[in-house]
Amino acid sequence: MEDIKILQSKLQENPDDLETLENYAIALSDIGENEEALKNFLYLHSKSPDNPKILYNIGIIFEKLKYIEKAVAAYERALSFLPDDTDILYNLANTYISQKKYDKAEELFLKVLENDATDANSFFHLGEIYSKQKKHELSIEYLLKALEYNPDDIIARFYLAYEYKETGNIDKAVENYRQVLHQNPDYSWAYYNLALIYAQSGDDARAADYLDKTIKTNPHDIEAIKLIVKIYSKTKKYALAEKLLKKTIRDLPENADLYFLLARIYKILDNNISYVKCLKSALAREATFSGDIEELKNEIKNSTKTSDKKPNKN
């Protein structure tokens, strides 16, 4: 692709050079100028409405701009002219996944594989589709194929670990999550899913270790924080729970669940003033509270009654 400045210069000399304009639009898209690129592609489309290459590129731009329905329409139109084009099939299948039209996506990815039986990405996306449809054994089959042709596909390996967990093959799940972390030591979801495995097996120490690593790589993972606080409470490590929650509240002061968790710690510690204060802080942020608001209000009401001082008869 020519430098964008050279393309601009050519267009100044000959504004009617449609081939240069197409290359210029592609170059604009490559540098993230998608709105401007779209204007140029739509102009080209007005000049050549049945050109599948232009329709395909319009689909790409719409997809980048999150206009999924328009992307689908453009890809489908392009495919009507080139029904076996692998790139169009692949991109259209991806947009069908975005629309949760998994059967349509499956059909197109299988067609891609008819043209290229070693396309790792299509094997991955079929594994992804079958995972979403809870067809776990089929998902594993296609994810293994994806990794056969692209052993470094970390997302495919992560999905594979998840599918092994879903089918009860815990050893394989752990093996693949660890392989994910070997490839990328900052993959927080892999740490978290390993923590879940150990928590469900009753190994709180290992679970806490992996949750700690999750939070170090993603300090705002609320689900990880909830689980490690639960383990800290179970193992009576209240000071650690309090310290973590206070730190996270400083980072995420509008998250009601954090105040509610901290209230729970103060209740255990019989610190009624801080307990009630945290409950009220959670209620003040009810838009972010994941629990039952009415139950929270009742708890505040009951805790306030408990903290009322009885009148002194003397």
C-alpha atoms as a PDB file:
ATOM      1  CA  MET A   1       0.000   0.000   0.000  1.00  0.00           C
ATOM      2  CA  GLU A   2       1.358   3.399  -0.978  1.00  0.00           C
ATOM      3  CA  ASP A   3       1.946   6.071   1.631  1.00  0.00           C
ATOM      4  CA  ILE A   4      -1.250   7.974   2.410  1.00  0.00           C
ATOM      5  CA  LYS A   5       0.350  11.303   1.472  1.00  0.00           C
ATOM      6  CA  ILE A   6       1.305   9.940  -1.947  1.00  0.00           C
ATOM      7  CA  LEU A   7      -2.289   8.752  -2.454  1.00  0.00           C
ATOM      8  CA  GLN A   8      -3.592  12.188  -1.446  1.00  0.00           C
ATOM      9  CA  SER A   9      -1.235  13.813  -3.936  1.00  0.00           C
ATOM     10  CA  LYS A  10      -2.415  11.490  -6.713  1.00  0.00           C
ATOM     11  CA  LEU A  11      -6.048  12.286  -5.950  1.00  0.00           C
ATOM     12  CA  GLN A  12      -5.338  16.011  -6.089  1.00  0.00           C
ATOM     13  CA  GLU A  13      -3.911  15.497  -9.564  1.00  0.00           C
ATOM     14  CA  ASN A  14      -6.735  13.182 -10.673  1.00  0.00           C
ATOM     15  CA  PRO A  15      -9.829  13.179  -8.416  1.00  0.00           C
ATOM     16  CA  ASP A  16     -11.613  10.729 -10.742  1.00  0.00           C
ATOM     17  CA  ASP A  17      -9.021   7.978 -10.259  1.00  0.00           C
ATOM     18  CA  LEU A  18     -11.294   5.450  -8.521  1.00  0.00           C
ATOM     19  CA  GLU A  19      -8.569   2.853  -7.980  1.00  0.00           C
ATOM     20  CA  THR A  20      -6.436   5.394  -6.117  1.00  0.00           C
ATOM     21  CA  LEU A  21      -9.486   6.539  -4.156  1.00  0.00           C
ATOM     22  CA  GLU A  22     -10.127   2.921  -3.108  1.00  0.00           C
ATOM     23  CA  ASN A  23      -6.528   2.510  -1.952  1.00  0.00           C
ATOM     24  CA  TYR A  24      -6.809   5.825  -0.107  1.00  0.00           C
ATOM     25  CA  ALA A  25      -9.976   4.670   1.669  1.00  0.00           C
ATOM     26  CA  ILE A  26      -8.265   1.429   2.705  1.00  0.00           C
ATOM     27  CA  ALA A  27      -5.267   3.415   3.993  1.00  0.00           C
ATOM     28  CA  LEU A  28      -7.586   5.672   6.010  1.00  0.00           C
ATOM     29  CA  SER A  29      -9.195   2.621   7.598  1.00  0.00           C
ATOM     30  CA  ASP A  30      -5.775   1.167   8.408  1.00  0.00           C
ATOM     31  CA  ILE A  31      -4.910   4.247  10.490  1.00  0.00           C
ATOM     32  CA  GLY A  32      -8.285   4.288  12.254  1.00  0.00           C
ATOM     33  CA  GLU A  33      -9.954   7.050  10.226  1.00  0.00           C
ATOM     34  CA  ASN A  34     -13.010   4.884   9.708  1.00  0.00           C
ATOM     35  CA  GLU A  35     -15.653   7.581   9.298  1.00  0.00           C
ATOM     36  CA  GLU A  36     -13.649   9.258   6.549  1.00  0.00           C
ATOM     37  CA  ALA A  37     -12.867   5.902   4.963  1.00  0.00           C
ATOM     38  CA  LEU A  38     -16.568   5.034   4.954  1.00  0.00           C
ATOM     39  CA  LYS A  39     -17.449   8.262   3.124  1.00  0.00           C
ATOM     40  CA  ASN A  40     -15.011   7.353   0.370  1.00  0.00           C
ATOM     41  CA  PHE A  41     -16.191   3.740   0.131  1.00  0.00           C
ATOM     42  CA  LEU A  42     -19.837   4.843  -0.056  1.00  0.00           C
ATOM     43  CA  TYR A  43     -18.910   7.204  -2.880  1.00  0.00           C
ATOM     44  CA  LEU A  44     -17.160   4.339  -4.676  1.00  0.00           C
ATOM     45  CA  HIS A  45     -20.251   2.193  -4.066  1.00  0.00           C
ATOM     46  CA  SER A  46     -22.438   4.833  -5.731  1.00  0.00           C
ATOM     47  CA  LYS A  47     -20.193   4.580  -8.788  1.00  0.00           C
ATOM     48  CA  SER A  48     -20.054   0.774  -8.780  1.00  0.00           C
ATOM     49  CA  PRO A  49     -22.957  -0.632  -6.695  1.00  0.00           C
ATOM     50  CA  ASP A  50     -22.310  -4.278  -7.631  1.00  0.00           C
ATOM     51  CA  ASN A  51     -18.589  -4.316  -6.895  1.00  0.00           C
ATOM     52  CA  PRO A  52     -18.096  -7.077  -4.265  1.00  0.00           C
ATOM     53  CA  LYS A  53     -14.668  -5.785  -3.196  1.00  0.00           C
ATOM     54  CA  ILE A  54     -16.119  -2.381  -2.335  1.00  0.00           C
ATOM     55  CA  LEU A  55     -19.087  -3.986  -0.566  1.00  0.00           C
ATOM     56  CA  TYR A  56     -16.676  -6.165   1.411  1.00  0.00           C
ATOM     57  CA  ASN A  57     -14.647  -3.135   2.515  1.00  0.00           C
ATOM     58  CA  ILE A  58     -17.819  -1.273   3.458  1.00  0.00           C
ATOM     59  CA  GLY A  59     -18.717  -4.278   5.606  1.00  0.00           C
ATOM     60  CA  ILE A  60     -15.319  -4.097   7.317  1.00  0.00           C
ATOM     61  CA  ILE A  61     -15.766  -0.402   8.116  1.00  0.00           C
ATOM     62  CA  PHE A  62     -19.305  -0.884   9.428  1.00  0.00           C
ATOM     63  CA  GLU A  63     -18.026  -3.732  11.610  1.00  0.00           C
ATOM     64  CA  LYS A  64     -15.221  -1.547  13.004  1.00  0.00           C
ATOM     65  CA  LEU A  65     -17.780   1.152  13.771  1.00  0.00           C
ATOM     66  CA  LYS A  66     -20.017  -1.414  15.533  1.00  0.00           C
ATOM     67  CA  TYR A  67     -22.819  -1.047  12.964  1.00  0.00           C
ATOM     68  CA  ILE A  68     -23.267  -4.801  12.881  1.00  0.00           C
ATOM     69  CA  GLU A  69     -26.576  -4.976  10.969  1.00  0.00           C
ATOM     70  CA  LYS A  70     -25.194  -2.720   8.236  1.00  0.00           C
ATOM     71  CA  ALA A  71     -21.998  -4.798   8.142  1.00  0.00           C
ATOM     72  CA  VAL A  72     -24.056  -7.959   7.690  1.00  0.00           C
ATOM     73  CA  ALA A  73     -26.044  -6.383   4.845  1.00  0.00           C
ATOM     74  CA  ALA A  74     -22.853  -5.321   3.066  1.00  0.00           C
ATOM     75  CA  TYR A  75     -21.169  -8.715   3.502  1.00  0.00           C
ATOM     76  CA  GLU A  76     -24.295 -10.585   2.385  1.00  0.00           C
ATOM     77  CA  ARG A  77     -24.508  -8.423  -0.729  1.00  0.00           C
ATOM     78  CA  ALA A  78     -20.816  -9.028  -1.470  1.00  0.00           C
ATOM     79  CA  LEU A  79     -21.301 -12.769  -0.962  1.00  0.00           C
ATOM     80  CA  SER A  80     -24.153 -12.821  -3.476  1.00  0.00           C
ATOM     81  CA  PHE A  81     -21.560 -11.938  -6.136  1.00  0.00           C
ATOM     82  CA  LEU A  82     -18.716 -14.102  -4.781  1.00  0.00           C
ATOM     83  CA  PRO A  83     -20.370 -17.012  -2.925  1.00  0.00           C
ATOM     84  CA  ASP A  84     -17.109 -18.900  -2.349  1.00  0.00           C
ATOM     85  CA  ASP A  85     -14.905 -15.995  -1.300  1.00  0.00           C
ATOM     86  CA  THR A  86     -13.185 -17.103   1.909  1.00  0.00           C
ATOM     87  CA  ASP A  87     -12.648 -13.606   3.307  1.00  0.00           C
ATOM     88  CA  ILE A  88     -16.285 -12.610   2.842  1.00  0.00           C
ATOM     89  CA  LEU A  89     -17.511 -15.912   4.282  1.00  0.00           C
ATOM     90  CA  TYR A  90     -15.256 -15.548   7.311  1.00  0.00           C
ATOM     91  CA  ASN A  91     -16.161 -11.933   8.086  1.00  0.00           C
ATOM     92  CA  LEU A  92     -19.877 -12.523   7.621  1.00  0.00           C
ATOM     93  CA  ALA A  93     -19.701 -15.557   9.916  1.00  0.00           C
ATOM     94  CA  ASN A  94     -18.026 -13.399  12.564  1.00  0.00           C
ATOM     95  CA  THR A  95     -20.774 -10.796  12.382  1.00  0.00           C
ATOM     96  CA  TYR A  96     -23.358 -13.575  12.741  1.00  0.00           C
ATOM     97  CA  ILE A  97     -21.628 -14.544  16.003  1.00  0.00           C
ATOM     98  CA  SER A  98     -22.026 -10.929  17.168  1.00  0.00           C
ATOM     99  CA  GLN A  99     -25.751 -11.281  16.427  1.00  0.00           C
ATOM    100  CA  LYS A 100     -25.854 -14.673  18.189  1.00  0.00           C
ATOM    101  CA  LYS A 101     -26.959 -16.291  14.937  1.00  0.00           C
ATOM    102  CA  TYR A 102     -24.820 -19.317  15.667  1.00  0.00           C
ATOM    103  CA  ASP A 103     -26.368 -21.703  13.127  1.00  0.00           C
ATOM    104  CA  LYS A 104     -25.716 -19.266  10.283  1.00  0.00           C
ATOM    105  CA  ALA A 105     -22.174 -18.639  11.508  1.00  0.00           C
ATOM    106  CA  GLU A 106     -21.515 -22.371  11.776  1.00  0.00           C
ATOM    107  CA  GLU A 107     -22.650 -22.933   8.186  1.00  0.00           C
ATOM    108  CA  LEU A 108     -20.279 -20.290   6.843  1.00  0.00           C
ATOM    109  CA  PHE A 109     -17.236 -21.330   8.902  1.00  0.00           C
ATOM    110  CA  LEU A 110     -17.722 -24.915   7.697  1.00  0.00           C
ATOM    111  CA  LYS A 111     -17.792 -23.563   4.140  1.00  0.00           C
ATOM    112  CA  VAL A 112     -14.515 -21.732   4.795  1.00  0.00           C
ATOM    113  CA  LEU A 113     -13.018 -25.046   5.887  1.00  0.00           C
ATOM    114  CA  GLU A 114     -14.190 -26.641   2.648  1.00  0.00           C
ATOM    115  CA  ASN A 115     -11.962 -24.110   0.875  1.00  0.00           C
ATOM    116  CA  ASP A 116      -9.131 -24.228   3.403  1.00  0.00           C
ATOM    117  CA  ALA A 117      -9.075 -27.312   5.634  1.00  0.00           C
ATOM    118  CA  THR A 118      -6.247 -25.867   7.773  1.00  0.00           C
ATOM    119  CA  ASP A 119      -7.842 -22.527   8.697  1.00  0.00           C
ATOM    120  CA  ALA A 120      -7.166 -22.390  12.436  1.00  0.00           C
ATOM    121  CA  ASN A 121      -9.372 -19.360  13.006  1.00  0.00           C
ATOM    122  CA  SER A 122     -12.443 -21.076  11.580  1.00  0.00           C
ATOM    123  CA  PHE A 123     -11.797 -24.143  13.751  1.00  0.00           C
ATOM    124  CA  PHE A 124     -11.525 -21.816  16.760  1.00  0.00           C
ATOM    125  CA  HIS A 125     -14.747 -19.972  16.008  1.00  0.00           C
ATOM    126  CA  LEU A 126     -16.617 -23.249  15.513  1.00  0.00           C
ATOM    127  CA  GLY A 127     -15.289 -24.359  18.901  1.00  0.00           C
ATOM    128  CA  GLU A 128     -16.452 -21.035  20.317  1.00  0.00           C
ATOM    129  CA  ILE A 129     -19.939 -21.487  18.802  1.00  0.00           C
ATOM    130  CA  TYR A 130     -20.281 -25.013  20.163  1.00  0.00           C
ATOM    131  CA  SER A 131     -19.127 -23.762  23.572  1.00  0.00           C
ATOM    132  CA  LYS A 132     -21.869 -21.123  23.582  1.00  0.00           C
ATOM    133  CA  GLN A 133     -24.363 -23.817  22.561  1.00  0.00           C
ATOM    134  CA  LYS A 134     -23.069 -26.076  25.368  1.00  0.00           C
ATOM    135  CA  LYS A 135     -22.032 -28.748  22.878  1.00  0.00           C
ATOM    136  CA  HIS A 136     -18.920 -29.364  24.932  1.00  0.00           C
ATOM    137  CA  GLU A 137     -17.486 -32.469  23.278  1.00  0.00           C
ATOM    138  CA  LEU A 138     -17.884 -30.926  19.820  1.00  0.00           C
ATOM    139  CA  SER A 139     -16.323 -27.706  21.060  1.00  0.00           C
ATOM    140  CA  ILE A 140     -13.285 -29.613  22.369  1.00  0.00           C
ATOM    141  CA  GLU A 141     -12.904 -31.386  19.019  1.00  0.00           C
ATOM    142  CA  TYR A 142     -12.747 -28.132  17.055  1.00  0.00           C
ATOM    143  CA  LEU A 143     -10.605 -26.285  19.583  1.00  0.00           C
ATOM    144  CA  LEU A 144      -8.044 -29.091  19.438  1.00  0.00           C
ATOM    145  CA  LYS A 145      -8.041 -28.715  15.653  1.00  0.00           C
ATOM    146  CA  ALA A 146      -7.506 -24.965  16.012  1.00  0.00           C
ATOM    147  CA  LEU A 147      -4.497 -25.616  18.252  1.00  0.00           C
ATOM    148  CA  GLU A 148      -3.184 -28.280  15.889  1.00  0.00           C
ATOM    149  CA  TYR A 149      -2.834 -25.632  13.173  1.00  0.00           C
ATOM    150  CA  ASN A 150      -1.982 -22.753  15.503  1.00  0.00           C
ATOM    151  CA  PRO A 151      -0.447 -24.021  18.766  1.00  0.00           C
ATOM    152  CA  ASP A 152       0.113 -20.458  20.015  1.00  0.00           C
ATOM    153  CA  ASP A 153      -3.573 -19.475  19.914  1.00  0.00           C
ATOM    154  CA  ILE A 154      -3.949 -18.532  23.573  1.00  0.00           C
ATOM    155  CA  ILE A 155      -7.681 -17.787  23.289  1.00  0.00           C
ATOM    156  CA  ALA A 156      -8.349 -21.219  21.812  1.00  0.00           C
ATOM    157  CA  ARG A 157      -6.382 -22.817  24.652  1.00  0.00           C
ATOM    158  CA  PHE A 158      -8.304 -20.795  27.230  1.00  0.00           C
ATOM    159  CA  TYR A 159     -11.607 -21.958  25.721  1.00  0.00           C
ATOM    160  CA  LEU A 160     -10.295 -25.531  25.645  1.00  0.00           C
ATOM    161  CA  ALA A 161      -9.445 -25.387  29.359  1.00  0.00           C
ATOM    162  CA  TYR A 162     -12.945 -24.077  30.073  1.00  0.00           C
ATOM    163  CA  GLU A 163     -14.550 -26.863  28.047  1.00  0.00           C
ATOM    164  CA  TYR A 164     -12.512 -29.526  29.841  1.00  0.00           C
ATOM    165  CA  LYS A 165     -13.737 -28.063  33.129  1.00  0.00           C
ATOM    166  CA  GLU A 166     -17.342 -28.193  31.870  1.00  0.00           C
ATOM    167  CA  THR A 167     -16.977 -31.868  30.959  1.00  0.00           C
ATOM    168  CA  GLY A 168     -15.441 -32.741  34.340  1.00  0.00           C
ATOM    169  CA  ASN A 169     -11.904 -33.303  33.055  1.00  0.00           C
ATOM    170  CA  ILE A 170     -10.284 -31.192  35.768  1.00  0.00           C
ATOM    171  CA  ASP A 171      -6.718 -32.370  35.167  1.00  0.00           C
ATOM    172  CA  LYS A 172      -6.888 -31.339  31.508  1.00  0.00           C
ATOM    173  CA  ALA A 173      -8.511 -28.037  32.459  1.00  0.00           C
ATOM    174  CA  VAL A 174      -5.726 -27.238  34.932  1.00  0.00           C
ATOM    175  CA  GLU A 175      -3.057 -28.309  32.428  1.00  0.00           C
ATOM    176  CA  ASN A 176      -4.403 -25.986  29.743  1.00  0.00           C
ATOM    177  CA  TYR A 177      -4.980 -23.018  32.054  1.00  0.00           C
ATOM    178  CA  ARG A 178      -1.363 -23.374  33.189  1.00  0.00           C
ATOM    179  CA  GLN A 179      -0.266 -23.486  29.559  1.00  0.00           C
ATOM    180  CA  VAL A 180      -2.184 -20.237  28.990  1.00  0.00           C
ATOM    181  CA  LEU A 181      -0.288 -18.671  31.893  1.00  0.00           C
ATOM    182  CA  HIS A 182       2.993 -20.011  30.550  1.00  0.00           C
ATOM    183  CA  GLN A 183       2.267 -18.153  27.311  1.00  0.00           C
ATOM    184  CA  ASN A 184       0.985 -15.049  29.078  1.00  0.00           C
ATOM    185  CA  PRO A 185       1.674 -14.668  32.834  1.00  0.00           C
ATOM    186  CA  ASP A 186      -0.723 -11.686  32.954  1.00  0.00           C
ATOM    187  CA  TYR A 187      -3.818 -13.569  31.779  1.00  0.00           C
ATOM    188  CA  SER A 188      -5.993 -12.806  34.816  1.00  0.00           C
ATOM    189  CA  TRP A 189      -8.998 -14.900  33.749  1.00  0.00           C
ATOM    190  CA  ALA A 190      -6.835 -18.026  33.710  1.00  0.00           C
ATOM    191  CA  TYR A 191      -5.732 -17.331  37.298  1.00  0.00           C
ATOM    192  CA  TYR A 192      -9.353 -16.756  38.298  1.00  0.00           C
ATOM    193  CA  ASN A 193     -10.639 -19.936  36.681  1.00  0.00           C
ATOM    194  CA  LEU A 194      -7.899 -21.968  38.350  1.00  0.00           C
ATOM    195  CA  ALA A 195      -8.915 -20.361  41.650  1.00  0.00           C
ATOM    196  CA  LEU A 196     -12.512 -21.446  41.040  1.00  0.00           C
ATOM    197  CA  ILE A 197     -11.396 -25.028  40.418  1.00  0.00           C
ATOM    198  CA  TYR A 198      -9.448 -25.148  43.682  1.00  0.00           C
ATOM    199  CA  ALA A 199     -12.182 -23.357  45.648  1.00  0.00           C
ATOM    200  CA  GLN A 200     -14.770 -25.858  44.429  1.00  0.00           C
ATOM    201  CA  SER A 201     -12.496 -28.727  45.465  1.00  0.00           C
ATOM    202  CA  GLY A 202     -12.082 -27.223  48.957  1.00  0.00           C
ATOM    203  CA  ASP A 203      -8.435 -26.236  48.530  1.00  0.00           C
ATOM    204  CA  ASP A 204      -8.776 -22.731  49.966  1.00  0.00           C
ATOM    205  CA  ALA A 205      -5.034 -22.107  50.175  1.00  0.00           C
ATOM    206  CA  ARG A 206      -4.442 -22.698  46.469  1.00  0.00           C
ATOM    207  CA  ALA A 207      -7.619 -20.850  45.564  1.00  0.00           C
ATOM    208  CA  ALA A 208      -6.493 -17.808  47.573  1.00  0.00           C
ATOM    209  CA  ASP A 209      -3.061 -17.954  45.935  1.00  0.00           C
ATOM    210  CA  TYR A 210      -4.543 -17.864  42.423  1.00  0.00           C
ATOM    211  CA  LEU A 211      -7.054 -15.182  43.427  1.00  0.00           C
ATOM    212  CA  ASP A 212      -4.198 -13.068  44.749  1.00  0.00           C
ATOM    213  CA  LYS A 213      -2.492 -13.431  41.363  1.00  0.00           C
ATOM    214  CA  THR A 214      -5.771 -12.569  39.622  1.00  0.00           C
ATOM    215  CA  ILE A 215      -6.077  -9.347  41.598  1.00  0.00           C
ATOM    216  CA  LYS A 216      -2.434  -8.426  41.059  1.00  0.00           C
ATOM    217  CA  THR A 217      -2.941  -8.646  37.295  1.00  0.00           C
ATOM    218  CA  ASN A 218      -6.430  -7.108  37.401  1.00  0.00           C
ATOM    219  CA  PRO A 219      -6.965  -5.124  40.626  1.00  0.00           C
ATOM    220  CA  HIS A 220     -10.586  -4.334  39.690  1.00  0.00           C
ATOM    221  CA  ASP A 221     -11.816  -7.902  39.208  1.00  0.00           C
ATOM    222  CA  ILE A 222     -14.801  -7.692  41.534  1.00  0.00           C
ATOM    223  CA  GLU A 223     -15.674 -11.395  41.277  1.00  0.00           C
ATOM    224  CA  ALA A 224     -12.141 -12.347  42.317  1.00  0.00           C
ATOM    225  CA  ILE A 225     -12.308  -9.912  45.219  1.00  0.00           C
ATOM    226  CA  LYS A 226     -15.663 -11.327  46.347  1.00  0.00           C
ATOM    227  CA  LEU A 227     -14.313 -14.869  46.325  1.00  0.00           C
ATOM    228  CA  ILE A 228     -11.059 -14.120  48.119  1.00  0.00           C
ATOM    229  CA  VAL A 229     -12.941 -12.128  50.793  1.00  0.00           C
ATOM    230  CA  LYS A 230     -15.201 -15.150  51.259  1.00  0.00           C
ATOM    231  CA  ILE A 231     -12.124 -17.336  51.742  1.00  0.00           C
ATOM    232  CA  TYR A 232     -10.507 -14.806  54.088  1.00  0.00           C
ATOM    233  CA  SER A 233     -13.702 -14.765  56.177  1.00  0.00           C
ATOM    234  CA  LYS A 234     -13.865 -18.559  56.205  1.00  0.00           C
ATOM    235  CA  THR A 235     -10.240 -18.778  57.364  1.00  0.00           C
ATOM    236  CA  LYS A 236     -10.678 -15.856  59.824  1.00  0.00           C
ATOM    237  CA  LYS A 237      -8.213 -13.584  58.002  1.00  0.00           C
ATOM    238  CA  TYR A 238     -10.407 -10.552  58.588  1.00  0.00           C
ATOM    239  CA  ALA A 239      -7.594  -8.005  58.561  1.00  0.00           C
ATOM    240  CA  LEU A 240      -6.558  -9.086  55.060  1.00  0.00           C
ATOM    241  CA  ALA A 241     -10.161  -8.844  53.866  1.00  0.00           C
ATOM    242  CA  GLU A 242     -10.586  -5.373  55.364  1.00  0.00           C
ATOM    243  CA  LYS A 243      -7.301  -4.129  53.877  1.00  0.00           C
ATOM    244  CA  LEU A 244      -8.138  -5.406  50.399  1.00  0.00           C
ATOM    245  CA  LEU A 245     -11.662  -3.988  50.408  1.00  0.00           C
ATOM    246  CA  LYS A 246     -10.548  -0.568  51.645  1.00  0.00           C
ATOM    247  CA  LYS A 247      -7.875  -0.415  48.944  1.00  0.00           C
ATOM    248  CA  THR A 248     -10.329  -1.407  46.215  1.00  0.00           C
ATOM    249  CA  ILE A 249     -12.933   1.087  47.456  1.00  0.00           C
ATOM    250  CA  ARG A 250     -10.329   3.840  47.066  1.00  0.00           C
ATOM    251  CA  ASP A 251      -9.977   2.782  43.411  1.00  0.00           C
ATOM    252  CA  LEU A 252     -13.687   2.091  42.809  1.00  0.00           C
ATOM    253  CA  PRO A 253     -15.569   4.342  45.252  1.00  0.00           C
ATOM    254  CA  GLU A 254     -18.943   3.920  43.489  1.00  0.00           C
ATOM    255  CA  ASN A 255     -19.121   0.130  43.671  1.00  0.00           C
ATOM    256  CA  ALA A 256     -21.850  -0.751  46.173  1.00  0.00           C
ATOM    257  CA  ASP A 257     -20.882  -4.420  46.427  1.00  0.00           C
ATOM    258  CA  LEU A 258     -17.507  -3.503  47.923  1.00  0.00           C
ATOM    259  CA  TYR A 259     -19.126  -1.539  50.760  1.00  0.00           C
ATOM    260  CA  PHE A 260     -21.530  -4.417  51.370  1.00  0.00           C
ATOM    261  CA  LEU A 261     -18.653  -6.908  51.610  1.00  0.00           C
ATOM    262  CA  LEU A 262     -16.819  -4.616  54.009  1.00  0.00           C
ATOM    263  CA  ALA A 263     -19.990  -4.294  56.093  1.00  0.00           C
ATOM    264  CA  ARG A 264     -20.028  -8.078  56.384  1.00  0.00           C
ATOM    265  CA  ILE A 265     -16.479  -8.060  57.752  1.00  0.00           C
ATOM    266  CA  TYR A 266     -17.344  -5.369  60.305  1.00  0.00           C
ATOM    267  CA  LYS A 267     -20.409  -7.337  61.370  1.00  0.00           C
ATOM    268  CA  ILE A 268     -18.220 -10.370  62.091  1.00  0.00           C
ATOM    269  CA  LEU A 269     -15.819  -8.116  64.016  1.00  0.00           C
ATOM    270  CA  ASP A 270     -18.765  -6.700  66.001  1.00  0.00           C
ATOM    271  CA  ASN A 271     -17.929  -3.189  64.807  1.00  0.00           C
ATOM    272  CA  ASN A 272     -21.536  -2.019  64.561  1.00  0.00           C
ATOM    273  CA  ILE A 273     -20.821   1.628  63.720  1.00  0.00           C
ATOM    274  CA  SER A 274     -18.639   0.755  60.706  1.00  0.00           C
ATOM    275  CA  TYR A 275     -21.034  -2.054  59.762  1.00  0.00           C
ATOM    276  CA  VAL A 276     -24.025   0.309  59.522  1.00  0.00           C
ATOM    277  CA  LYS A 277     -21.962   3.011  57.817  1.00  0.00           C
ATOM    278  CA  CYS A 278     -20.872   0.597  55.076  1.00  0.00           C
ATOM    279  CA  LEU A 279     -24.416  -0.690  54.582  1.00  0.00           C
ATOM    280  CA  LYS A 280     -25.621   2.882  54.107  1.00  0.00           C
ATOM    281  CA  SER A 281     -22.753   3.563  51.698  1.00  0.00           C
ATOM    282  CA  ALA A 282     -23.841   0.535  49.669  1.00  0.00           C
ATOM    283  CA  LEU A 283     -27.443   1.778  49.592  1.00  0.00           C
ATOM    284  CA  ALA A 284     -26.309   5.241  48.482  1.00  0.00           C
ATOM    285  CA  ARG A 285     -24.853   3.516  45.410  1.00  0.00           C
ATOM    286  CA  GLU A 286     -27.794   1.201  44.768  1.00  0.00           C
ATOM    287  CA  ALA A 287     -27.409   1.461  40.972  1.00  0.00           C
ATOM    288  CA  THR A 288     -24.242  -0.664  41.259  1.00  0.00           C
ATOM    289  CA  PHE A 289     -25.553  -3.087  43.892  1.00  0.00           C
ATOM    290  CA  SER A 290     -25.882  -6.659  42.629  1.00  0.00           C
ATOM    291  CA  GLY A 291     -27.987  -7.903  45.545  1.00  0.00           C
ATOM    292  CA  ASP A 292     -31.580  -7.328  46.594  1.00  0.00           C
ATOM    293  CA  ILE A 293     -32.110  -3.645  47.447  1.00  0.00           C
ATOM    294  CA  GLU A 294     -35.127  -4.333  49.666  1.00  0.00           C
ATOM    295  CA  GLU A 295     -33.137  -6.847  51.699  1.00  0.00           C
ATOM    296  CA  LEU A 296     -30.357  -4.286  52.048  1.00  0.00           C
ATOM    297  CA  LYS A 297     -32.838  -1.654  53.272  1.00  0.00           C
ATOM    298  CA  ASN A 298     -34.286  -4.096  55.797  1.00  0.00           C
ATOM    299  CA  GLU A 299     -30.825  -4.994  57.035  1.00  0.00           C
ATOM    300  CA  ILE A 300     -30.018  -1.311  57.574  1.00  0.00           C
ATOM    301  CA  LYS A 301     -33.334  -0.836  59.404  1.00  0.00           C
ATOM    302  CA  ASN A 302     -32.728  -3.832  61.669  1.00  0.00           C
ATOM    303  CA  SER A 303     -29.090  -2.955  62.320  1.00  0.00           C
ATOM    304  CA  THR A 304     -30.057   0.595  63.272  1.00  0.00           C
ATOM    305  CA  LYS A 305     -32.593  -0.736  65.785  1.00  0.00           C
ATOM    306  CA  THR A 306     -29.958  -2.992  67.285  1.00  0.00           C
ATOM    307  CA  SER A 307     -27.540  -0.099  67.689  1.00  0.00           C
ATOM    308  CA  ASP A 308     -30.087   2.178  69.414  1.00  0.00           C
ATOM    309  CA  LYS A 309     -29.211   2.832  73.042  1.00  0.00           C
ATOM    310  CA  LYS A 310     -31.809   1.886  75.628  1.00  0.00           C
ATOM    311  CA  PRO A 311     -32.957   4.723  77.891  1.00  0.00           C
ATOM    312  CA  ASN A 312     -31.336   4.854  81.290  1.00  0.00           C
ATOM    313  CA  LYS A 313     -33.988   4.449  84.023  1.00  0.00           C
ATOM    314  CA  ASN A 314     -31.750   5.861  86.708  1.00  0.00           C
END
